[in-house]
Amino acid sequence: MKIHSSVKIHSSSIIDKDVVIGSNSKIWQWVHISKGAKIGSNCIFGQNVFIGNEVLIGNNVKIQNNVSVYDRVILQDDVFCGPSMVFTNVINPRSAYPRKNEFQTTLVKKGATLGANCTIICGVTIGENAFVGAGSVITKDVKDYALYIGNPGRHVGWMSSYGERINLPLKGNDSWLCNKTGNLYKLEDDKLIVNTNN
């Protein structure tokens, strides 16, 4: 077990052996982190969070109450998981026919937000700084900076890295300047390219 001395863990939480947790992370009530999980620095896990064995979590990840992060889910840096959102890891589960050998990898890229009560079907990639609205069901890959809502989730717009709706169409050639960060967002056909001000 490699848990940095600055990590705060509530007494009600269970941390299995061979877990890695980076500096300044906070683990609140009734959290269970399974053997083999790797967690970065400055993470916050709300109450009743479950982390599976084959889970990789980056830095500055916030997981709100009642979220289970199952095996083969990867959360990159700065990901936000809203309260009671759901990951799956098998496409066609049956209680009578265990399919642990069929777990699929789900990748949530840097800066993405997964809204409260949304569901992420296994095997998809959520793009960098993408935004999944509350209650949405994601069944396919989500582009970088894309805003998805509904069941099934559909692309309805774009979101800045700051978390504001971008006033651009879904397709075309146009640009938008964020007055909070100075970043310039360029729409090229159906992809959003960002020129950062750093």
Protein backbone atom coordinates (compact mmCIF):
# COMPACT_ATOMS: atom_id res chain seq x y z
CA MET A 1 0.00 0.00 0.00
CA LYS A 2 1.36 3.43 -0.97
CA ILE A 3 -0.76 6.13 0.58
CA HIS A 4 0.81 9.57 0.94
CA SER A 5 0.96 10.85 4.51
CA SER A 6 -1.11 13.93 3.60
CA VAL A 7 -4.15 11.85 2.54
CA LYS A 8 -7.23 12.21 4.78
CA ILE A 9 -9.30 9.05 5.17
CA HIS A 10 -12.50 8.88 7.21
CA SER A 11 -12.53 6.14 9.82
CA SER A 12 -15.58 4.47 8.25
CA SER A 13 -13.84 3.91 4.90
CA ILE A 14 -12.19 0.66 3.78
CA ILE A 15 -8.88 0.78 1.91
CA ASP A 16 -7.65 -2.61 0.68
CA LYS A 17 -4.01 -3.64 0.32
CA ASP A 18 -1.86 -2.58 -2.65
CA VAL A 19 -3.70 0.70 -3.19
CA VAL A 20 -1.89 3.84 -4.36
CA ILE A 21 -3.27 7.25 -3.32
CA GLY A 22 -1.41 10.48 -4.11
CA SER A 23 -0.87 13.51 -1.89
CA ASN A 24 -3.62 15.72 -0.46
CA SER A 25 -6.48 13.45 -1.49
CA LYS A 26 -9.59 13.26 0.72
CA ILE A 27 -11.62 10.09 1.24
CA TRP A 28 -14.95 10.70 3.01
CA GLN A 29 -17.44 8.39 4.75
CA TRP A 30 -18.14 4.78 3.70
CA VAL A 31 -15.78 4.72 0.73
CA HIS A 32 -14.34 1.37 -0.38
CA ILE A 33 -11.16 1.35 -2.48
CA SER A 34 -10.33 -2.11 -3.80
CA LYS A 35 -6.93 -3.80 -4.03
CA GLY A 36 -4.82 -2.59 -6.93
CA ALA A 37 -6.57 0.73 -7.56
CA LYS A 38 -4.28 3.66 -8.43
CA ILE A 39 -5.38 7.18 -7.49
CA GLY A 40 -3.55 10.45 -8.09
CA SER A 41 -3.08 13.57 -5.98
CA ASN A 42 -5.67 16.15 -4.86
CA CYS A 43 -8.63 13.82 -5.44
CA ILE A 44 -11.87 14.03 -3.46
CA PHE A 45 -14.20 11.05 -3.02
CA GLY A 46 -17.62 11.76 -1.49
CA GLN A 47 -19.47 9.36 0.76
CA ASN A 48 -20.43 5.87 -0.41
CA VAL A 49 -18.00 5.78 -3.35
CA PHE A 50 -16.71 2.40 -4.56
CA ILE A 51 -13.46 2.04 -6.54
CA GLY A 52 -12.75 -1.30 -8.27
CA ASN A 53 -9.46 -3.20 -8.61
CA GLU A 54 -8.47 -2.30 -12.16
CA VAL A 55 -9.18 1.43 -11.90
CA LEU A 56 -6.81 4.25 -12.78
CA ILE A 57 -7.64 7.74 -11.53
CA GLY A 58 -5.56 10.83 -12.32
CA ASN A 59 -4.98 14.01 -10.34
CA ASN A 60 -7.62 16.46 -9.11
CA VAL A 61 -10.51 14.09 -9.80
CA LYS A 62 -13.74 14.75 -7.90
CA ILE A 63 -16.16 11.86 -7.41
CA GLN A 64 -19.40 12.84 -5.69
CA ASN A 65 -21.61 10.71 -3.42
CA ASN A 66 -22.89 7.25 -4.43
CA VAL A 67 -20.67 6.60 -7.45
CA SER A 68 -19.15 3.19 -8.27
CA VAL A 69 -16.08 3.22 -10.51
CA TYR A 70 -15.79 -0.35 -11.78
CA ASP A 71 -12.86 -2.33 -13.16
CA ARG A 72 -11.32 -1.03 -16.41
CA VAL A 73 -12.57 2.53 -15.97
CA ILE A 74 -9.86 5.15 -16.48
CA LEU A 75 -10.39 8.72 -15.28
CA GLN A 76 -7.75 11.18 -16.42
CA ASP A 77 -6.84 14.41 -14.59
CA ASP A 78 -9.53 16.95 -13.60
CA VAL A 79 -12.52 14.67 -14.24
CA PHE A 80 -15.74 15.45 -12.35
CA CYS A 81 -18.23 12.63 -11.59
CA GLY A 82 -21.57 14.01 -10.38
CA PRO A 83 -23.68 12.44 -7.62
CA SER A 84 -25.08 8.96 -8.33
CA MET A 85 -23.78 8.79 -11.90
CA VAL A 86 -23.23 5.25 -13.19
CA PHE A 87 -20.48 3.36 -15.01
CA THR A 88 -21.09 -0.11 -16.44
CA ASN A 89 -18.48 -2.68 -17.46
CA VAL A 90 -20.41 -5.40 -19.35
CA ILE A 91 -22.63 -4.81 -22.41
CA ASN A 92 -24.99 -7.77 -21.90
CA PRO A 93 -24.95 -8.83 -18.21
CA ARG A 94 -26.79 -11.95 -17.04
CA SER A 95 -26.74 -13.14 -13.45
CA ALA A 96 -26.68 -16.80 -14.56
CA TYR A 97 -23.75 -16.28 -16.96
CA PRO A 98 -20.85 -14.36 -15.40
CA ARG A 99 -18.90 -12.30 -17.93
CA LYS A 100 -15.95 -10.90 -16.00
CA ASN A 101 -13.71 -11.85 -18.92
CA GLU A 102 -15.78 -9.50 -21.12
CA PHE A 103 -15.27 -6.28 -19.15
CA GLN A 104 -14.75 -3.35 -21.51
CA THR A 105 -12.49 -0.35 -20.98
CA THR A 106 -14.10 3.06 -20.52
CA LEU A 107 -11.87 6.13 -20.86
CA VAL A 108 -12.85 9.54 -19.51
CA LYS A 109 -10.35 12.12 -20.76
CA LYS A 110 -8.89 15.13 -18.99
CA GLY A 111 -11.31 17.77 -17.74
CA ALA A 112 -14.55 15.95 -18.64
CA THR A 113 -17.69 16.44 -16.54
CA LEU A 114 -20.20 13.62 -15.99
CA GLY A 115 -23.43 15.11 -14.63
CA ALA A 116 -25.53 13.77 -11.77
CA ASN A 117 -27.39 10.51 -12.48
CA CYS A 118 -25.94 10.09 -15.98
CA THR A 119 -25.05 6.59 -17.19
CA ILE A 120 -21.91 5.76 -19.17
CA ILE A 121 -22.22 2.47 -21.09
CA CYS A 122 -18.91 0.58 -21.06
CA GLY A 123 -16.45 0.69 -23.93
CA VAL A 124 -16.86 4.37 -24.80
CA THR A 125 -14.43 7.27 -24.67
CA ILE A 126 -15.55 10.59 -23.21
CA GLY A 127 -13.50 13.34 -24.86
CA GLU A 128 -11.32 15.96 -23.26
CA ASN A 129 -13.37 18.66 -21.49
CA ALA A 130 -16.61 17.09 -22.74
CA PHE A 131 -19.76 17.70 -20.70
CA VAL A 132 -22.43 15.04 -20.15
CA GLY A 133 -25.67 16.53 -18.84
CA ALA A 134 -27.48 15.24 -15.76
CA GLY A 135 -29.52 12.08 -16.38
CA SER A 136 -28.08 11.44 -19.84
CA VAL A 137 -27.26 7.95 -21.14
CA ILE A 138 -24.06 7.73 -23.17
CA THR A 139 -23.90 4.79 -25.59
CA LYS A 140 -21.17 5.99 -27.97
CA ASP A 141 -17.96 8.03 -27.95
CA VAL A 142 -18.22 11.72 -27.04
CA LYS A 143 -16.01 14.26 -28.85
CA ASP A 144 -13.66 16.68 -27.11
CA TYR A 145 -15.54 19.74 -25.75
CA ALA A 146 -18.90 18.28 -26.81
CA LEU A 147 -22.09 18.78 -24.77
CA TYR A 148 -24.26 15.65 -24.73
CA ILE A 149 -27.74 15.36 -23.20
CA GLY A 150 -30.68 12.96 -23.32
CA ASN A 151 -31.38 9.24 -23.60
CA PRO A 152 -29.65 8.15 -25.70
CA GLY A 153 -27.19 11.00 -25.38
CA ARG A 154 -26.98 13.30 -28.38
CA HIS A 155 -24.58 16.06 -29.31
CA VAL A 156 -26.34 19.41 -28.79
CA GLY A 157 -23.47 21.88 -28.46
CA TRP A 158 -19.99 22.65 -27.23
CA MET A 159 -18.54 23.51 -23.81
CA SER A 160 -15.39 25.46 -22.97
CA SER A 161 -12.74 24.10 -20.62
CA TYR A 162 -13.99 26.77 -18.17
CA GLY A 163 -17.44 25.13 -18.26
CA GLU A 164 -19.47 27.59 -20.32
CA ARG A 165 -21.63 26.90 -23.36
CA ILE A 166 -19.85 27.90 -26.58
CA ASN A 167 -21.92 29.81 -29.12
CA LEU A 168 -20.99 27.75 -32.17
CA PRO A 169 -22.97 25.38 -34.42
CA LEU A 170 -22.35 21.61 -34.39
CA LYS A 171 -20.63 21.76 -37.80
CA GLY A 172 -18.98 24.38 -39.96
CA ASN A 173 -16.03 26.74 -39.80
CA ASP A 174 -16.16 29.40 -37.12
CA SER A 175 -14.42 30.52 -33.95
CA TRP A 176 -15.23 31.66 -30.41
CA LEU A 177 -13.05 33.45 -27.85
CA CYS A 178 -13.46 32.62 -24.16
CA ASN A 179 -13.35 35.88 -22.18
CA LYS A 180 -12.57 33.96 -18.98
CA THR A 181 -9.41 32.15 -20.15
CA GLY A 182 -8.48 33.85 -23.41
CA ASN A 183 -8.60 30.51 -25.22
CA LEU A 184 -9.67 30.58 -28.88
CA TYR A 185 -11.98 27.75 -29.98
CA LYS A 186 -11.97 26.96 -33.70
CA LEU A 187 -14.67 24.82 -35.27
CA GLU A 188 -13.32 22.84 -38.21
CA ASP A 189 -16.16 20.85 -39.80
CA ASP A 190 -17.41 18.81 -36.79
CA LYS A 191 -14.37 19.10 -34.51
CA LEU A 192 -13.44 21.82 -32.03
CA ILE A 193 -9.76 22.80 -31.88
CA VAL A 194 -8.51 24.94 -29.01
CA ASN A 195 -5.62 27.40 -29.04
CA THR A 196 -4.78 28.00 -25.41
CA ASN A 197 -3.61 31.32 -24.04
CA ASN A 198 -0.79 29.67 -22.04
